[in-house]
Amino acid sequence: MAERPVDIRHVTKRFGDLAAVADLTFALEPGTITGFLGPNGAGKSTTLRMIGGLLRPTAGSVELFGIRPETPGLADHSATCPRIRPFSPISPAGTT
């Protein structure tokens, strides 16, 4: 069986007294398409930042294809997309 693309086990991320993510566990199987849905402040962006290696969990483990995102040299073979705004406000010509 192929390695799971994402395997998260008992992940918690705290910012001071605030638990942005609390004891999250899930795994994605190869070939699946997954979306993160939830209200503002639910921990979606924090979880994706931990998967991308931009944040380290306070507790628990994150693995991508069996490798932890903080593994030395892994960043040389991966990329994350910064927050982008695909549609900028458009002004009529000559009204800038």
C-alpha atoms as a PDB file:
ATOM      1  CA  MET A   1       0.000   0.000   0.000  1.00  0.00           C
ATOM      2  CA  ALA A   2       1.250   3.524  -0.816  1.00  0.00           C
ATOM      3  CA  GLU A   3       2.154   5.985   1.937  1.00  0.00           C
ATOM      4  CA  ARG A   4      -0.667   8.273   2.985  1.00  0.00           C
ATOM      5  CA  PRO A   5      -0.263  11.736   1.468  1.00  0.00           C
ATOM      6  CA  VAL A   6      -1.245  13.318   4.803  1.00  0.00           C
ATOM      7  CA  ASP A   7      -1.333  11.635   8.218  1.00  0.00           C
ATOM      8  CA  ILE A   8      -2.158  13.797  11.245  1.00  0.00           C
ATOM      9  CA  ARG A   9      -2.258  12.254  14.718  1.00  0.00           C
ATOM     10  CA  HIS A  10      -3.423  13.990  17.894  1.00  0.00           C
ATOM     11  CA  VAL A  11      -2.264  17.410  16.686  1.00  0.00           C
ATOM     12  CA  THR A  12      -2.735  20.428  18.911  1.00  0.00           C
ATOM     13  CA  LYS A  13      -1.553  23.955  18.167  1.00  0.00           C
ATOM     14  CA  ARG A  14      -1.659  26.545  20.926  1.00  0.00           C
ATOM     15  CA  PHE A  15      -1.031  30.269  20.747  1.00  0.00           C
ATOM     16  CA  GLY A  16      -0.668  31.195  24.412  1.00  0.00           C
ATOM     17  CA  ASP A  17      -3.895  30.143  26.122  1.00  0.00           C
ATOM     18  CA  LEU A  18      -5.759  29.748  22.821  1.00  0.00           C
ATOM     19  CA  ALA A  19      -5.994  26.238  21.342  1.00  0.00           C
ATOM     20  CA  ALA A  20      -6.360  26.960  17.610  1.00  0.00           C
ATOM     21  CA  VAL A  21      -6.374  23.197  16.888  1.00  0.00           C
ATOM     22  CA  ALA A  22      -7.112  20.624  19.612  1.00  0.00           C
ATOM     23  CA  ASP A  23      -6.332  16.896  19.327  1.00  0.00           C
ATOM     24  CA  LEU A  24      -6.959  16.629  15.575  1.00  0.00           C
ATOM     25  CA  THR A  25      -6.512  13.204  13.957  1.00  0.00           C
ATOM     26  CA  PHE A  26      -7.164  12.316  10.315  1.00  0.00           C
ATOM     27  CA  ALA A  27      -5.478  10.739   7.301  1.00  0.00           C
ATOM     28  CA  LEU A  28      -5.896  11.225   3.574  1.00  0.00           C
ATOM     29  CA  GLU A  29      -5.725   8.175   1.366  1.00  0.00           C
ATOM     30  CA  PRO A  30      -3.994   8.269  -2.031  1.00  0.00           C
ATOM     31  CA  GLY A  31      -6.273   9.483  -4.816  1.00  0.00           C
ATOM     32  CA  THR A  32      -8.762  11.301  -2.601  1.00  0.00           C
ATOM     33  CA  ILE A  33      -9.826  14.929  -2.892  1.00  0.00           C
ATOM     34  CA  THR A  34     -10.443  16.685   0.402  1.00  0.00           C
ATOM     35  CA  GLY A  35     -11.783  20.102   1.401  1.00  0.00           C
ATOM     36  CA  PHE A  36     -11.604  21.937   4.727  1.00  0.00           C
ATOM     37  CA  LEU A  37     -14.903  23.518   5.704  1.00  0.00           C
ATOM     38  CA  GLY A  38     -15.766  25.377   8.881  1.00  0.00           C
ATOM     39  CA  PRO A  39     -16.446  28.757  10.423  1.00  0.00           C
ATOM     40  CA  ASN A  40     -13.825  31.460  10.922  1.00  0.00           C
ATOM     41  CA  GLY A  41     -11.484  30.505  13.753  1.00  0.00           C
ATOM     42  CA  ALA A  42     -12.073  26.764  13.408  1.00  0.00           C
ATOM     43  CA  GLY A  43      -8.381  26.012  12.755  1.00  0.00           C
ATOM     44  CA  LYS A  44      -8.460  25.345   9.004  1.00  0.00           C
ATOM     45  CA  SER A  45      -5.621  27.707   8.054  1.00  0.00           C
ATOM     46  CA  THR A  46      -3.572  26.719  11.101  1.00  0.00           C
ATOM     47  CA  THR A  47      -3.912  23.043  10.133  1.00  0.00           C
ATOM     48  CA  LEU A  48      -2.849  23.740   6.542  1.00  0.00           C
ATOM     49  CA  ARG A  49       0.140  25.753   7.784  1.00  0.00           C
ATOM     50  CA  MET A  50       1.211  22.797   9.929  1.00  0.00           C
ATOM     51  CA  ILE A  51       0.817  20.430   6.970  1.00  0.00           C
ATOM     52  CA  GLY A  52       2.929  22.812   4.864  1.00  0.00           C
ATOM     53  CA  GLY A  53       5.630  23.035   7.526  1.00  0.00           C
ATOM     54  CA  LEU A  54       5.047  26.751   8.185  1.00  0.00           C
ATOM     55  CA  LEU A  55       3.998  26.058  11.797  1.00  0.00           C
ATOM     56  CA  ARG A  56       5.014  23.282  14.150  1.00  0.00           C
ATOM     57  CA  PRO A  57       2.352  21.561  16.226  1.00  0.00           C
ATOM     58  CA  THR A  58       2.450  22.109  19.975  1.00  0.00           C
ATOM     59  CA  ALA A  59       1.689  18.395  20.332  1.00  0.00           C
ATOM     60  CA  GLY A  60       1.098  15.425  18.023  1.00  0.00           C
ATOM     61  CA  SER A  61       2.574  14.594  14.633  1.00  0.00           C
ATOM     62  CA  VAL A  62       2.130  15.587  10.995  1.00  0.00           C
ATOM     63  CA  GLU A  63       3.511  13.426   8.177  1.00  0.00           C
ATOM     64  CA  LEU A  64       3.483  13.868   4.403  1.00  0.00           C
ATOM     65  CA  PHE A  65       4.039  10.568   2.614  1.00  0.00           C
ATOM     66  CA  GLY A  66       5.612   9.290   5.847  1.00  0.00           C
ATOM     67  CA  ILE A  67       7.953  12.282   6.252  1.00  0.00           C
ATOM     68  CA  ARG A  68       7.624  15.033   8.854  1.00  0.00           C
ATOM     69  CA  PRO A  69       7.443  18.537   7.303  1.00  0.00           C
ATOM     70  CA  GLU A  70      10.321  19.775   9.509  1.00  0.00           C
ATOM     71  CA  THR A  71      12.712  17.165   8.074  1.00  0.00           C
ATOM     72  CA  PRO A  72      15.964  18.908   7.041  1.00  0.00           C
ATOM     73  CA  GLY A  73      16.134  19.394   3.264  1.00  0.00           C
ATOM     74  CA  LEU A  74      12.446  18.715   2.659  1.00  0.00           C
ATOM     75  CA  ALA A  75      11.800  22.392   1.872  1.00  0.00           C
ATOM     76  CA  ASP A  76      14.163  22.046  -1.105  1.00  0.00           C
ATOM     77  CA  HIS A  77      11.620  19.666  -2.681  1.00  0.00           C
ATOM     78  CA  SER A  78       8.337  21.311  -1.730  1.00  0.00           C
ATOM     79  CA  ALA A  79       6.535  24.631  -1.960  1.00  0.00           C
ATOM     80  CA  THR A  80       3.660  26.446  -0.349  1.00  0.00           C
ATOM     81  CA  CYS A  81       1.537  29.077  -1.983  1.00  0.00           C
ATOM     82  CA  PRO A  82       1.283  32.347  -0.086  1.00  0.00           C
ATOM     83  CA  ARG A  83      -2.084  33.987   0.305  1.00  0.00           C
ATOM     84  CA  ILE A  84      -2.967  35.443  -3.066  1.00  0.00           C
ATOM     85  CA  ARG A  85      -5.865  37.534  -4.264  1.00  0.00           C
ATOM     86  CA  PRO A  86      -6.862  36.227  -7.682  1.00  0.00           C
ATOM     87  CA  PHE A  87      -9.201  39.128  -8.409  1.00  0.00           C
ATOM     88  CA  SER A  88      -7.948  42.633  -7.681  1.00  0.00           C
ATOM     89  CA  PRO A  89     -10.420  45.501  -7.647  1.00  0.00           C
ATOM     90  CA  ILE A  90     -10.900  46.820 -11.168  1.00  0.00           C
ATOM     91  CA  SER A  91     -11.304  50.544 -11.819  1.00  0.00           C
ATOM     92  CA  PRO A  92     -12.683  52.014 -15.030  1.00  0.00           C
ATOM     93  CA  ALA A  93      -9.934  53.377 -17.276  1.00  0.00           C
ATOM     94  CA  GLY A  94      -8.613  56.748 -16.168  1.00  0.00           C
ATOM     95  CA  THR A  95     -10.171  56.672 -12.651  1.00  0.00           C
ATOM     96  CA  THR A  96      -7.230  55.409 -10.613  1.00  0.00           C
END
